[in-house]
Protein backbone atom coordinates (compact mmCIF):
# COMPACT_ATOMS: atom_id res chain seq x y z
CA MET A 1 3.74 -72.58 196.41
CA ARG A 2 3.98 -72.59 200.20
CA THR A 3 3.95 -69.03 201.53
CA ARG A 4 4.22 -69.99 205.19
CA PRO A 5 4.47 -73.03 207.43
CA ASP A 6 1.31 -74.58 208.82
CA LEU A 7 0.55 -73.16 212.25
CA THR A 8 -0.44 -75.74 214.87
CA LEU A 9 -1.41 -75.06 218.47
CA ILE A 10 -0.50 -77.94 220.80
CA ALA A 11 -1.83 -77.87 224.36
CA ALA A 12 -3.23 -79.83 227.28
CA VAL A 13 -6.56 -78.29 228.30
CA SER A 14 -8.81 -78.98 231.29
CA ALA A 15 -12.47 -79.89 230.83
CA ASP A 16 -13.38 -76.30 231.73
CA GLY A 17 -10.95 -74.77 229.20
CA PHE A 18 -7.82 -73.88 231.17
CA ILE A 19 -4.16 -74.72 230.52
CA SER A 20 -2.88 -73.68 233.94
CA THR A 21 -3.92 -72.21 237.26
CA GLY A 22 -1.32 -69.51 236.70
CA LYS A 23 2.03 -71.22 237.18
CA GLY A 24 3.22 -74.27 235.34
CA VAL A 25 1.36 -77.37 234.24
CA PRO A 26 -1.26 -78.32 236.85
CA TRP A 27 -1.13 -82.09 236.29
CA ASN A 28 1.39 -84.88 235.89
CA LEU A 29 0.64 -86.78 232.67
CA PRO A 30 3.73 -88.62 231.37
CA ARG A 31 1.72 -89.92 228.40
CA ASP A 32 0.94 -86.33 227.38
CA LYS A 33 4.58 -85.24 227.82
CA GLU A 34 5.72 -88.07 225.55
CA HIS A 35 2.99 -87.18 223.03
CA PHE A 36 4.22 -83.56 223.04
CA ARG A 37 7.87 -84.56 222.62
CA ARG A 38 7.11 -87.06 219.85
CA THR A 39 4.91 -84.58 217.96
CA THR A 40 7.29 -81.61 218.22
CA ARG A 41 10.65 -83.40 217.94
CA GLY A 42 12.92 -81.47 215.56
CA GLN A 43 10.25 -78.82 214.91
CA TRP A 44 10.02 -75.04 215.16
CA LEU A 45 8.21 -73.88 218.32
CA LEU A 46 6.61 -70.56 219.25
CA ILE A 47 6.43 -70.03 223.00
CA GLY A 48 5.52 -67.14 225.25
CA ARG A 49 8.36 -65.90 227.43
CA ARG A 50 7.13 -67.22 230.79
CA THR A 51 6.33 -70.64 229.32
CA TYR A 52 9.73 -70.68 227.63
CA VAL A 53 11.49 -70.07 230.96
CA GLU A 54 9.41 -72.87 232.57
CA MET A 55 10.36 -75.23 229.70
CA LEU A 56 14.12 -74.56 229.60
CA GLY A 57 15.84 -77.90 229.30
CA TRP A 58 13.19 -79.26 226.88
CA PHE A 59 14.80 -77.78 223.77
CA ARG A 60 17.43 -80.37 222.85
CA ASP A 61 16.14 -80.93 219.33
CA HIS A 62 13.77 -78.02 218.73
CA HIS A 63 13.99 -74.57 217.17
CA PRO A 64 12.28 -72.35 219.77
CA LEU A 65 11.15 -68.79 219.10
CA VAL A 66 10.09 -66.77 222.14
CA LEU A 67 7.13 -64.43 221.69
CA THR A 68 7.96 -61.35 223.75
CA SER A 69 7.46 -57.59 223.71
CA ASP A 70 10.82 -57.09 225.46
CA LYS A 71 13.22 -56.09 222.67
CA THR A 72 16.22 -56.73 224.98
CA PHE A 73 15.32 -60.36 225.78
CA THR A 74 17.84 -62.84 224.37
CA PRO A 75 16.87 -66.47 225.00
CA PRO A 76 19.72 -68.87 225.83
CA VAL A 77 18.33 -71.29 223.20
CA GLY A 78 16.51 -70.13 220.05
CA GLY A 79 15.49 -66.60 219.15
CA ALA A 80 13.05 -63.87 220.14
CA VAL A 81 10.15 -62.53 218.05
CA SER A 82 7.56 -59.84 218.63
CA SER A 83 4.66 -61.40 216.65
CA VAL A 84 3.25 -64.62 215.25
CA ALA A 85 3.81 -63.26 211.73
CA GLU A 86 7.51 -62.69 212.48
CA ALA A 87 7.83 -66.26 213.79
CA LEU A 88 6.16 -67.65 210.67
CA SER A 89 8.49 -65.57 208.49
CA ILE A 90 11.61 -66.89 210.26
CA ALA A 91 10.38 -70.48 210.13
CA VAL A 92 9.53 -70.35 206.41
CA LYS A 93 12.95 -68.88 205.57
CA ASP A 94 14.48 -71.94 207.22
CA GLY A 95 12.25 -74.27 205.20
CA ALA A 96 9.98 -75.29 208.07
CA ARG A 97 6.73 -76.94 207.05
CA GLU A 98 5.09 -76.38 210.44
CA LEU A 99 5.36 -74.07 213.45
CA PHE A 100 3.98 -75.36 216.78
CA VAL A 101 2.62 -72.91 219.35
CA CYS A 102 3.24 -74.34 222.83
CA GLY A 103 1.81 -71.70 225.18
CA GLY A 104 1.15 -69.82 227.23
CA GLY A 105 -2.24 -68.19 227.09
CA GLY A 106 -1.08 -65.03 225.29
CA ALA A 107 0.76 -66.97 222.59
CA TYR A 108 -2.26 -69.21 222.02
CA ALA A 109 -4.61 -66.21 221.81
CA ALA A 110 -2.31 -64.42 219.33
CA ALA A 111 -1.88 -67.52 217.15
CA MET A 112 -5.43 -68.97 217.13
CA PRO A 113 -6.75 -66.71 214.33
CA LEU A 114 -3.89 -67.88 212.05
CA ALA A 115 -3.86 -71.56 213.06
CA ASN A 116 -4.53 -74.40 210.64
CA ARG A 117 -4.59 -77.22 213.18
CA LEU A 118 -5.01 -77.86 216.91
CA ILE A 119 -3.51 -80.82 218.75
CA ILE A 120 -5.26 -80.91 222.10
CA THR A 121 -4.92 -83.22 225.06
CA HIS A 122 -8.26 -82.95 226.82
CA ALA A 123 -7.45 -83.57 230.50
CA ASP A 124 -10.44 -84.82 232.47
CA THR A 125 -10.30 -82.36 235.34
CA ILE A 126 -11.85 -79.04 236.34
CA LEU A 127 -9.39 -76.27 237.25
CA GLY A 128 -12.07 -73.67 238.01
CA GLY A 129 -10.00 -70.76 236.70
CA GLY A 130 -6.56 -69.73 235.61
CA VAL A 131 -5.03 -69.29 232.17
CA PRO A 132 -7.63 -70.07 229.49
CA PHE A 133 -7.08 -71.75 226.15
CA PRO A 134 -8.97 -70.01 223.33
CA VAL A 135 -12.45 -71.44 222.78
CA ILE A 136 -12.52 -74.14 220.09
CA ARG A 137 -15.61 -73.02 218.20
CA SER A 138 -17.34 -75.89 216.37
CA GLU A 139 -18.27 -73.66 213.45
CA LEU A 140 -14.54 -73.06 212.82
CA TRP A 141 -12.94 -76.34 213.93
CA GLN A 142 -13.70 -79.98 213.24
CA ALA A 143 -12.28 -82.89 215.24
CA VAL A 144 -10.63 -85.27 212.76
CA SER A 145 -9.25 -87.76 215.28
CA ARG A 146 -9.65 -88.71 218.94
CA GLN A 147 -7.83 -91.25 221.06
CA ALA A 148 -8.94 -91.77 224.68
CA PHE A 149 -6.75 -93.03 227.51
CA PRO A 150 -7.94 -93.92 231.03
CA ALA A 151 -6.03 -92.78 234.11
CA ASP A 152 -3.45 -95.32 235.24
CA ALA A 153 -0.60 -95.74 237.73
CA GLU A 154 1.55 -93.15 235.89
CA ASN A 155 -1.13 -90.76 234.56
CA GLN A 156 -3.38 -89.27 237.23
CA LEU A 157 -6.22 -88.27 234.85
CA ASP A 158 -8.26 -89.67 231.99
CA MET A 159 -7.20 -87.88 228.80
CA THR A 160 -8.09 -87.72 225.13
CA PHE A 161 -5.69 -86.76 222.36
CA ALA A 162 -7.67 -84.85 219.71
CA ILE A 163 -6.71 -83.24 216.43
CA TYR A 164 -8.82 -80.45 215.02
CA GLU A 165 -8.59 -78.94 211.56
CA ARG A 166 -9.96 -75.61 210.47
CA ARG A 167 -13.26 -76.14 208.62
CA ILE A 168 -12.51 -73.43 206.03
CA PRO A 169 -8.80 -73.15 205.21
CA LEU A 170 -7.18 -69.77 205.71
CA LYS A 171 -6.05 -67.74 202.75
CA THR A 172 -2.69 -66.37 203.84
CA GLY A 173 0.04 -64.27 202.38
CA SER A 174 3.73 -64.64 203.03
CA ASP A 175 3.48 -62.35 206.07
CA GLY A 176 1.21 -64.84 207.85
CA HIS A 177 -1.82 -62.55 207.88
CA SER A 178 -5.17 -63.62 206.50
């Protein structure tokens, strides 16, 4: 019996491990945007508040949950939650099979210990600092697929779409905790 949806982190990450220099996405990669939209279409999303505000307008066919400590915050689309476990609980009650974490850095850090899968676009650039993505430790994660794309007229950087699965599956209860 499924006690919670799968938890997948989806992100574009620089070669030195950053998702942003501090405000917004630091590159223009239409191929990655389409990959994100195709992968998350119709799905439940967990998003930090600042990332949610930056992404308003993207949520035409999603079920966004905003991870925030502000109990008074009411998102114009979706709902607000105070923890990853709460988001998983809401998603499972609606019958969701998967919950996608879409950023920012705090949401990724909170969700990584409970994640089953990572969908990473490795962007071939060095940001030199900013908002880090949690380290993908090879003893915990195994790449199960990779697809490389060279830079082109529309996409300013080489990129690789990679999927990682947890090497040892989590044992989780209905509250989302291991």
